[in-house]
């Protein structure tokens, strides 16, 4: 059972230039883009990334000023919001629709909220400090629930009223709508009570919110986190892999391949397209390898793992077997890993000579992600990349 409720959100006033107010998630913004966004009065990054010299209260002061001066206005009644993103993927236009509301936080052990990836503790500490200062959820987590009710989908088409719409620099059209119809709102609450929710993106924010709620046990408003929930059968739900680029100086491509052959069958490929087809057609868990000298290989894992569903996850085999076992004695103790979800970008970066090799992974299967999560397991960090990212700045959930 998931408790997912409407709320009186604070949004920019209707008629605002929404492009001046919104931004991608805080953790994917480059320093150059941060400077550009923060130069815009009222841009959400002035709060999400507005901490100066450890002074989180400066972000709170700016948020308070926006509300006082009408740069953010509160809804007249509790409502849900619809967030639609229309984009082109593999030559086909798609639209992903999420329902945005406030989600009751609860421990994973209760089995209603399911994580699927490990997280970085340092990131969570920073977000907790900001949350304590602003007492407002500024960015939404991204969750997935199993199957949309068709009647509710029809009601949303009828009763959702558009507030803002724009196209970003990557060609994604963002449309933000308000749902105030009481019958539709009640039906959404009822539907989600019958569901479990898989955290697709925002594990850090959820776990931070969970900790925050536990530190404020007597404040009902602080038990919730801003969330955007997408149905698992949504036609626009895209999951991409996150590839690995490893730097460990002094290792030759031949040494790498010699070590890899201990646990993997290796087949050289002529192109990235051929490699992707081979990975998709493999009957074993397989990884793509790109060496510093420009060669590409499919590496099929030859082991016979147990029934743990993680053994079907290529990112897990990459971390657990290839990096921690097969190449353990070859890699430098200070070897570094960087991540990229675009395989073409990975190969371009390999030409710089900075990296020793790269691991190309396959698009994760959503059904397998659910299986792993329901089994109480977690994939390695950076196993998935849900495209496109959910932007912030359309609405905030204030808890005071």
Protein backbone atom coordinates (compact mmCIF):
# COMPACT_ATOMS: atom_id res chain seq x y z
CA UNK A 1 0.00 0.00 0.00
CA UNK A 2 1.35 3.42 -1.03
CA UNK A 3 0.02 6.59 0.61
CA UNK A 4 0.13 9.23 -2.12
CA UNK A 5 -1.82 12.42 -1.52
CA UNK A 6 -2.60 15.75 -3.18
CA UNK A 7 -1.23 18.98 -1.71
CA UNK A 8 -1.42 22.74 -2.04
CA UNK A 9 1.72 23.29 -4.07
CA UNK A 10 3.62 26.52 -4.61
CA UNK A 11 4.16 27.23 -8.31
CA UNK A 12 5.32 30.21 -10.38
CA UNK A 13 2.30 32.41 -11.26
CA UNK A 14 0.45 31.54 -14.45
CA UNK A 15 1.93 33.49 -17.34
CA UNK A 16 5.47 33.27 -15.93
CA UNK A 17 8.33 32.52 -18.31
CA UNK A 18 8.78 29.02 -16.95
CA UNK A 19 12.10 28.56 -18.76
CA UNK A 20 13.56 31.10 -16.33
CA UNK A 21 12.35 29.18 -13.31
CA UNK A 22 13.06 25.47 -13.94
CA UNK A 23 16.19 23.34 -14.16
CA UNK A 24 17.37 19.73 -14.52
CA UNK A 25 18.09 17.84 -11.28
CA UNK A 26 20.80 19.46 -9.17
CA UNK A 27 23.22 16.53 -9.55
CA UNK A 28 23.44 16.61 -13.37
CA UNK A 29 24.12 20.35 -13.75
CA UNK A 30 27.64 21.36 -14.83
CA UNK A 31 29.40 24.27 -13.16
CA UNK A 32 29.00 26.40 -16.28
CA UNK A 33 25.28 25.63 -16.52
CA UNK A 34 24.89 26.29 -12.79
CA UNK A 35 26.30 29.78 -13.20
CA UNK A 36 23.95 30.49 -16.10
CA UNK A 37 20.86 29.22 -14.28
CA UNK A 38 21.67 31.00 -11.04
CA UNK A 39 21.98 34.27 -12.91
CA UNK A 40 18.22 34.04 -13.59
CA UNK A 41 16.07 35.63 -10.86
CA UNK A 42 13.75 33.00 -9.42
CA UNK A 43 15.51 29.98 -10.90
CA UNK A 44 15.17 26.95 -8.65
CA UNK A 45 18.94 26.33 -8.65
CA UNK A 46 19.37 29.48 -6.58
CA UNK A 47 17.95 27.34 -3.77
CA UNK A 48 18.85 23.73 -4.68
CA UNK A 49 22.46 24.76 -5.38
CA UNK A 50 22.38 28.06 -3.50
CA UNK A 51 24.39 27.09 -0.44
CA UNK A 52 27.20 29.61 0.10
CA UNK A 53 30.14 28.66 2.34
CA UNK A 54 28.03 26.10 4.15
CA UNK A 55 25.27 28.62 4.83
CA UNK A 56 22.10 26.66 4.05
CA UNK A 57 19.96 29.38 5.57
CA UNK A 58 20.78 31.71 2.68
CA UNK A 59 18.74 29.34 0.50
CA UNK A 60 15.85 29.54 3.01
CA UNK A 61 15.94 33.34 2.94
CA UNK A 62 15.70 33.36 -0.85
CA UNK A 63 12.77 30.94 -0.85
CA UNK A 64 10.93 33.00 1.76
CA UNK A 65 11.50 36.10 -0.34
CA UNK A 66 10.01 34.45 -3.44
CA UNK A 67 6.83 33.57 -1.55
CA UNK A 68 6.56 36.96 0.11
CA UNK A 69 6.93 38.75 -3.23
CA UNK A 70 4.58 36.50 -5.23
CA UNK A 71 7.24 34.72 -7.28
CA UNK A 72 5.71 31.50 -5.93
CA UNK A 73 1.96 31.26 -5.25
CA UNK A 74 0.08 28.54 -3.41
CA UNK A 75 -2.76 26.53 -4.94
CA UNK A 76 -6.21 27.36 -3.62
CA UNK A 77 -6.91 23.69 -2.81
CA UNK A 78 -5.24 20.32 -2.58
CA UNK A 79 -4.48 18.92 -6.02
CA UNK A 80 -2.29 16.56 -8.00
CA UNK A 81 -0.16 17.69 -10.91
CA UNK A 82 0.55 15.97 -14.22
CA UNK A 83 4.04 16.19 -15.66
CA UNK A 84 4.31 15.15 -19.32
CA UNK A 85 7.58 14.90 -21.22
CA UNK A 86 7.46 14.39 -24.99
CA UNK A 87 10.68 13.40 -26.72
CA UNK A 88 12.18 11.42 -29.58
CA UNK A 89 13.86 8.12 -28.71
CA UNK A 90 15.34 5.84 -31.36
CA UNK A 91 13.53 7.79 -34.07
CA UNK A 92 10.07 7.56 -32.46
CA UNK A 93 8.19 10.27 -30.58
CA UNK A 94 7.15 9.21 -27.11
CA UNK A 95 5.38 10.82 -24.17
CA UNK A 96 5.91 9.89 -20.52
CA UNK A 97 3.25 11.03 -18.04
CA UNK A 98 3.78 11.24 -14.30
CA UNK A 99 1.41 12.14 -11.48
CA UNK A 100 3.04 14.51 -8.99
CA UNK A 101 1.93 14.54 -5.36
CA UNK A 102 3.25 13.97 -1.85
CA UNK A 103 4.33 10.45 -0.89
CA UNK A 104 4.35 9.16 2.67
CA UNK A 105 7.88 8.05 3.55
CA UNK A 106 8.30 4.74 5.28
CA UNK A 107 11.13 2.25 5.85
CA UNK A 108 11.97 -0.06 2.97
CA UNK A 109 11.40 -2.98 5.33
CA UNK A 110 7.65 -2.42 5.17
CA UNK A 111 7.79 -3.58 1.55
CA UNK A 112 5.72 -0.82 -0.05
CA UNK A 113 8.54 1.46 -1.26
CA UNK A 114 11.16 -0.52 -3.16
CA UNK A 115 14.69 0.75 -3.85
CA UNK A 116 16.75 -0.74 -6.65
CA UNK A 117 20.19 0.90 -6.33
CA UNK A 118 22.82 1.56 -3.67
CA UNK A 119 23.45 5.21 -2.76
CA UNK A 120 26.29 7.56 -1.78
CA UNK A 121 26.10 8.72 1.87
CA UNK A 122 27.92 12.04 1.31
CA UNK A 123 25.23 13.21 -1.11
CA UNK A 124 22.49 12.41 1.39
CA UNK A 125 24.13 14.49 4.14
CA UNK A 126 24.20 17.60 1.94
CA UNK A 127 20.55 17.22 0.97
CA UNK A 128 19.52 16.70 4.61
CA UNK A 129 21.19 19.96 5.63
CA UNK A 130 19.34 21.80 2.86
CA UNK A 131 16.02 20.19 3.78
CA UNK A 132 16.44 21.15 7.42
CA UNK A 133 17.04 24.76 6.42
CA UNK A 134 14.29 25.27 3.83
CA UNK A 135 11.62 22.90 5.22
CA UNK A 136 10.48 22.47 1.63
CA UNK A 137 10.79 19.69 -0.92
CA UNK A 138 12.21 21.42 -3.99
CA UNK A 139 12.81 18.43 -6.26
CA UNK A 140 10.71 15.35 -6.94
CA UNK A 141 11.74 11.76 -6.62
CA UNK A 142 10.73 9.53 -9.55
CA UNK A 143 8.75 6.39 -8.80
CA UNK A 144 7.11 3.64 -10.82
CA UNK A 145 3.92 1.80 -9.93
CA UNK A 146 2.43 -1.21 -11.71
CA UNK A 147 -0.16 -0.39 -14.37
CA UNK A 148 -2.37 2.68 -14.76
CA UNK A 149 -6.13 2.38 -14.26
CA UNK A 150 -7.71 3.13 -17.67
CA UNK A 151 -10.66 5.01 -16.17
CA UNK A 152 -8.31 7.27 -14.23
CA UNK A 153 -6.23 7.87 -17.34
CA UNK A 154 -9.36 9.02 -19.14
CA UNK A 155 -10.37 11.28 -16.25
CA UNK A 156 -6.93 12.87 -16.24
CA UNK A 157 -7.23 13.64 -19.93
CA UNK A 158 -10.53 15.39 -19.20
CA UNK A 159 -9.72 17.28 -16.01
CA UNK A 160 -6.01 18.17 -16.17
CA UNK A 161 -5.49 21.87 -16.99
CA UNK A 162 -2.20 22.99 -18.48
CA UNK A 163 -0.21 25.55 -16.50
CA UNK A 164 3.15 25.62 -18.31
CA UNK A 165 4.79 24.11 -21.40
CA UNK A 166 8.17 24.57 -23.10
CA UNK A 167 10.79 22.70 -25.10
CA UNK A 168 14.30 22.40 -23.67
CA UNK A 169 17.62 22.51 -25.52
CA UNK A 170 17.61 18.71 -25.96
CA UNK A 171 14.24 18.75 -27.73
CA UNK A 172 12.19 17.47 -24.78
CA UNK A 173 8.82 19.21 -24.38
CA UNK A 174 7.85 19.63 -20.72
CA UNK A 175 4.13 20.15 -19.99
CA UNK A 176 2.93 20.79 -16.44
CA UNK A 177 -0.78 20.49 -15.62
CA UNK A 178 -2.99 20.84 -12.55
CA UNK A 179 -5.65 18.32 -11.44
CA UNK A 180 -8.19 19.73 -8.97
CA UNK A 181 -11.28 17.65 -9.80
CA UNK A 182 -12.15 16.06 -6.45
CA UNK A 183 -13.45 12.76 -7.84
CA UNK A 184 -10.33 12.28 -9.98
CA UNK A 185 -8.07 13.20 -7.07
CA UNK A 186 -9.84 10.70 -4.80
CA UNK A 187 -9.58 7.94 -7.42
CA UNK A 188 -5.82 8.46 -7.72
CA UNK A 189 -5.40 8.20 -3.94
CA UNK A 190 -7.47 5.01 -3.92
CA UNK A 191 -5.61 3.45 -6.85
CA UNK A 192 -2.17 4.00 -5.30
CA UNK A 193 -3.28 2.42 -2.03
CA UNK A 194 -3.38 -0.88 -3.92
CA UNK A 195 0.15 -0.51 -5.35
CA UNK A 196 3.80 -0.81 -4.45
CA UNK A 197 6.24 1.82 -5.70
CA UNK A 198 9.69 1.27 -7.17
CA UNK A 199 12.11 4.18 -6.80
CA UNK A 200 13.40 4.81 -10.30
CA UNK A 201 15.41 7.95 -9.60
CA UNK A 202 15.96 9.88 -6.38
CA UNK A 203 17.08 7.23 -3.90
CA UNK A 204 19.22 9.82 -2.13
CA UNK A 205 16.31 12.24 -1.79
CA UNK A 206 13.93 9.53 -0.57
CA UNK A 207 16.36 8.25 2.06
CA UNK A 208 17.12 11.80 3.15
CA UNK A 209 13.39 12.50 3.45
CA UNK A 210 12.88 9.30 5.41
CA UNK A 211 15.58 10.34 7.88
CA UNK A 212 14.14 13.86 8.05
CA UNK A 213 10.68 12.54 8.87
CA UNK A 214 12.11 10.34 11.62
CA UNK A 215 13.79 13.38 13.15
CA UNK A 216 10.41 15.18 13.19
CA UNK A 217 8.03 12.41 14.30
CA UNK A 218 5.31 14.76 15.53
CA UNK A 219 5.04 16.87 12.38
CA UNK A 220 2.61 15.27 9.91
CA UNK A 221 3.63 17.51 7.00
CA UNK A 222 7.25 16.38 7.30
CA UNK A 223 6.40 12.72 6.83
CA UNK A 224 5.97 13.23 3.07
CA UNK A 225 8.25 13.75 0.09
CA UNK A 226 7.48 15.31 -3.29
CA UNK A 227 7.14 12.47 -5.82
CA UNK A 228 6.30 11.93 -9.48
CA UNK A 229 4.82 8.49 -10.16
CA UNK A 230 4.74 6.88 -13.60
CA UNK A 231 2.87 3.70 -14.53
CA UNK A 232 5.02 0.72 -15.50
CA UNK A 233 3.00 0.36 -18.72
CA UNK A 234 3.54 3.99 -19.75
CA UNK A 235 4.66 4.04 -23.41
CA UNK A 236 7.25 6.71 -22.66
CA UNK A 237 9.04 4.87 -19.84
CA UNK A 238 12.62 4.50 -21.07
CA UNK A 239 15.47 2.91 -19.10
CA UNK A 240 19.01 3.26 -20.41
CA UNK A 241 22.24 1.76 -19.07
CA UNK A 242 25.03 3.65 -17.36
CA UNK A 243 28.39 2.67 -18.84
CA UNK A 244 31.70 2.61 -16.97
CA UNK A 245 35.01 4.21 -17.99
CA UNK A 246 37.96 2.97 -15.93
CA UNK A 247 41.32 4.68 -15.60
CA UNK A 248 44.22 2.56 -14.31
CA UNK A 249 47.48 3.73 -15.94
CA UNK A 250 50.09 1.30 -17.17
CA UNK A 251 47.78 -1.52 -18.24
CA UNK A 252 47.89 -2.56 -21.89
CA UNK A 253 44.89 -3.74 -23.84
CA UNK A 254 46.45 -7.21 -24.23
CA UNK A 255 46.98 -7.51 -20.47
CA UNK A 256 43.37 -6.53 -19.89
CA UNK A 257 42.07 -9.12 -22.34
CA UNK A 258 44.33 -11.83 -20.94
CA UNK A 259 42.96 -11.32 -17.45
CA UNK A 260 39.36 -11.01 -18.66
CA UNK A 261 39.60 -14.34 -20.46
CA UNK A 262 39.83 -16.13 -17.11
CA UNK A 263 36.13 -15.61 -16.42
CA UNK A 264 34.68 -14.39 -19.73
CA UNK A 265 34.44 -15.64 -23.28
CA UNK A 266 35.66 -12.86 -25.60
CA UNK A 267 34.56 -12.07 -29.15
CA UNK A 268 35.88 -9.09 -31.06
CA UNK A 269 33.30 -6.84 -32.72
CA UNK A 270 33.68 -4.59 -35.75
CA UNK A 271 31.40 -1.75 -34.61
CA UNK A 272 29.35 -0.46 -31.71
CA UNK A 273 26.13 -1.47 -33.49
CA UNK A 274 27.40 -5.01 -33.89
CA UNK A 275 28.41 -5.08 -30.23
CA UNK A 276 24.94 -3.92 -29.11
CA UNK A 277 23.26 -6.58 -31.24
CA UNK A 278 25.53 -9.26 -29.81
CA UNK A 279 24.82 -8.15 -26.25
CA UNK A 280 21.07 -8.20 -26.91
CA UNK A 281 21.26 -11.69 -28.40
CA UNK A 282 23.52 -13.28 -25.80
CA UNK A 283 22.06 -16.14 -23.77
CA UNK A 284 24.48 -15.37 -20.95
CA UNK A 285 25.06 -12.18 -19.02
CA UNK A 286 27.43 -10.26 -21.28
CA UNK A 287 29.43 -7.05 -21.11
CA UNK A 288 30.87 -4.89 -23.83
CA UNK A 289 34.55 -3.99 -23.53
CA UNK A 290 36.21 -1.05 -25.26
CA UNK A 291 40.01 -1.04 -25.01
CA UNK A 292 42.35 1.93 -25.11
CA UNK A 293 43.66 0.86 -28.54
CA UNK A 294 40.19 1.18 -30.06
CA UNK A 295 39.04 -2.44 -30.13
CA UNK A 296 35.57 -3.65 -29.08
CA UNK A 297 34.70 -7.01 -27.51
CA UNK A 298 31.69 -8.86 -26.16
CA UNK A 299 32.59 -10.56 -22.88
CA UNK A 300 30.17 -13.37 -21.86
CA UNK A 301 30.36 -14.40 -18.22
CA UNK A 302 31.23 -18.10 -18.01
CA UNK A 303 30.38 -18.65 -14.35
CA UNK A 304 27.41 -20.57 -12.98
CA UNK A 305 25.84 -18.24 -10.40
CA UNK A 306 23.17 -19.10 -7.83
CA UNK A 307 19.51 -18.06 -7.95
CA UNK A 308 20.13 -14.51 -6.71
CA UNK A 309 18.43 -12.32 -9.39
CA UNK A 310 21.36 -9.90 -9.28
CA UNK A 311 23.36 -12.41 -11.31
CA UNK A 312 21.14 -11.52 -14.27
CA UNK A 313 22.14 -7.84 -13.96
CA UNK A 314 25.11 -6.95 -16.13
CA UNK A 315 26.09 -3.99 -13.92
CA UNK A 316 26.32 -6.40 -10.98
CA UNK A 317 28.49 -8.85 -12.93
CA UNK A 318 30.66 -5.92 -14.02
CA UNK A 319 31.23 -4.78 -10.44
CA UNK A 320 31.21 -8.12 -8.59
CA UNK A 321 33.13 -10.25 -11.08
CA UNK A 322 35.04 -8.19 -13.64
CA UNK A 323 36.28 -5.35 -11.41
CA UNK A 324 36.39 -6.94 -7.96
CA UNK A 325 37.50 -10.46 -8.94
CA UNK A 326 38.81 -10.94 -12.47
CA UNK A 327 40.85 -7.74 -12.70
CA UNK A 328 41.54 -7.33 -8.97
CA UNK A 329 45.28 -8.05 -9.25
CA UNK A 330 45.67 -6.01 -12.43
CA UNK A 331 43.96 -2.75 -11.58
CA UNK A 332 45.82 -0.06 -9.67
CA UNK A 333 44.56 0.49 -6.11
CA UNK A 334 43.76 4.07 -7.09
CA UNK A 335 41.89 3.19 -10.26
CA UNK A 336 38.98 5.54 -10.93
CA UNK A 337 35.57 5.01 -12.51
CA UNK A 338 33.52 7.57 -14.41
CA UNK A 339 30.03 7.12 -15.82
CA UNK A 340 28.18 7.99 -19.03
CA UNK A 341 24.82 6.74 -20.33
CA UNK A 342 25.66 7.38 -24.00
CA UNK A 343 27.79 4.63 -25.59
CA UNK A 344 28.85 6.86 -28.48
CA UNK A 345 30.01 9.45 -26.00
CA UNK A 346 31.98 6.76 -24.16
CA UNK A 347 33.87 5.77 -27.30
CA UNK A 348 34.57 9.42 -28.09
CA UNK A 349 36.01 9.91 -24.60
CA UNK A 350 38.11 6.77 -24.96
CA UNK A 351 39.97 8.43 -27.84
CA UNK A 352 41.32 11.04 -25.42
CA UNK A 353 43.67 8.46 -23.93
CA UNK A 354 42.47 9.21 -20.39
CA UNK A 355 40.85 5.82 -19.84
CA UNK A 356 42.29 2.31 -19.76
CA UNK A 357 39.08 0.61 -20.84
CA UNK A 358 35.32 1.02 -20.78
CA UNK A 359 32.46 -1.36 -20.01
CA UNK A 360 29.41 -1.01 -22.25
CA UNK A 361 26.21 -2.28 -20.65
CA UNK A 362 22.80 -3.20 -22.07
CA UNK A 363 19.54 -1.33 -21.41
CA UNK A 364 18.19 -2.67 -18.08
CA UNK A 365 14.98 -4.67 -18.22
CA UNK A 366 12.24 -3.06 -16.12
CA UNK A 367 10.81 -6.46 -15.19
CA UNK A 368 14.20 -7.55 -13.86
CA UNK A 369 14.54 -4.31 -11.87
CA UNK A 370 11.18 -5.09 -10.20
CA UNK A 371 12.28 -8.69 -9.52
CA UNK A 372 15.51 -7.56 -7.87
CA UNK A 373 13.72 -4.95 -5.77
CA UNK A 374 10.96 -7.33 -4.63
CA UNK A 375 13.65 -9.82 -3.59
CA UNK A 376 15.07 -7.17 -1.26
CA UNK A 377 18.25 -6.75 -3.31
CA UNK A 378 19.90 -3.61 -4.66
CA UNK A 379 21.75 -3.11 -7.89
CA UNK A 380 25.14 -1.36 -7.85
CA UNK A 381 25.22 2.42 -7.89
CA UNK A 382 24.60 3.90 -11.33
CA UNK A 383 22.97 0.78 -12.78
CA UNK A 384 20.13 2.60 -14.54
CA UNK A 385 19.43 5.88 -16.29
CA UNK A 386 15.76 6.77 -16.67
CA UNK A 387 15.34 9.13 -19.60
CA UNK A 388 14.44 11.96 -19.62
CA UNK A 389 15.23 13.39 -16.20
CA UNK A 390 12.51 15.03 -14.14
CA UNK A 391 13.09 18.77 -13.91
CA UNK A 392 12.49 20.89 -10.84
CA UNK A 393 10.99 24.34 -10.35
CA UNK A 394 7.43 23.69 -11.54
CA UNK A 395 6.14 23.16 -8.00
CA UNK A 396 7.50 22.83 -4.47
CA UNK A 397 6.02 21.14 -1.40
CA UNK A 398 6.34 23.43 1.60
CA UNK A 399 6.06 21.78 5.02
CA UNK A 400 5.48 24.84 7.20
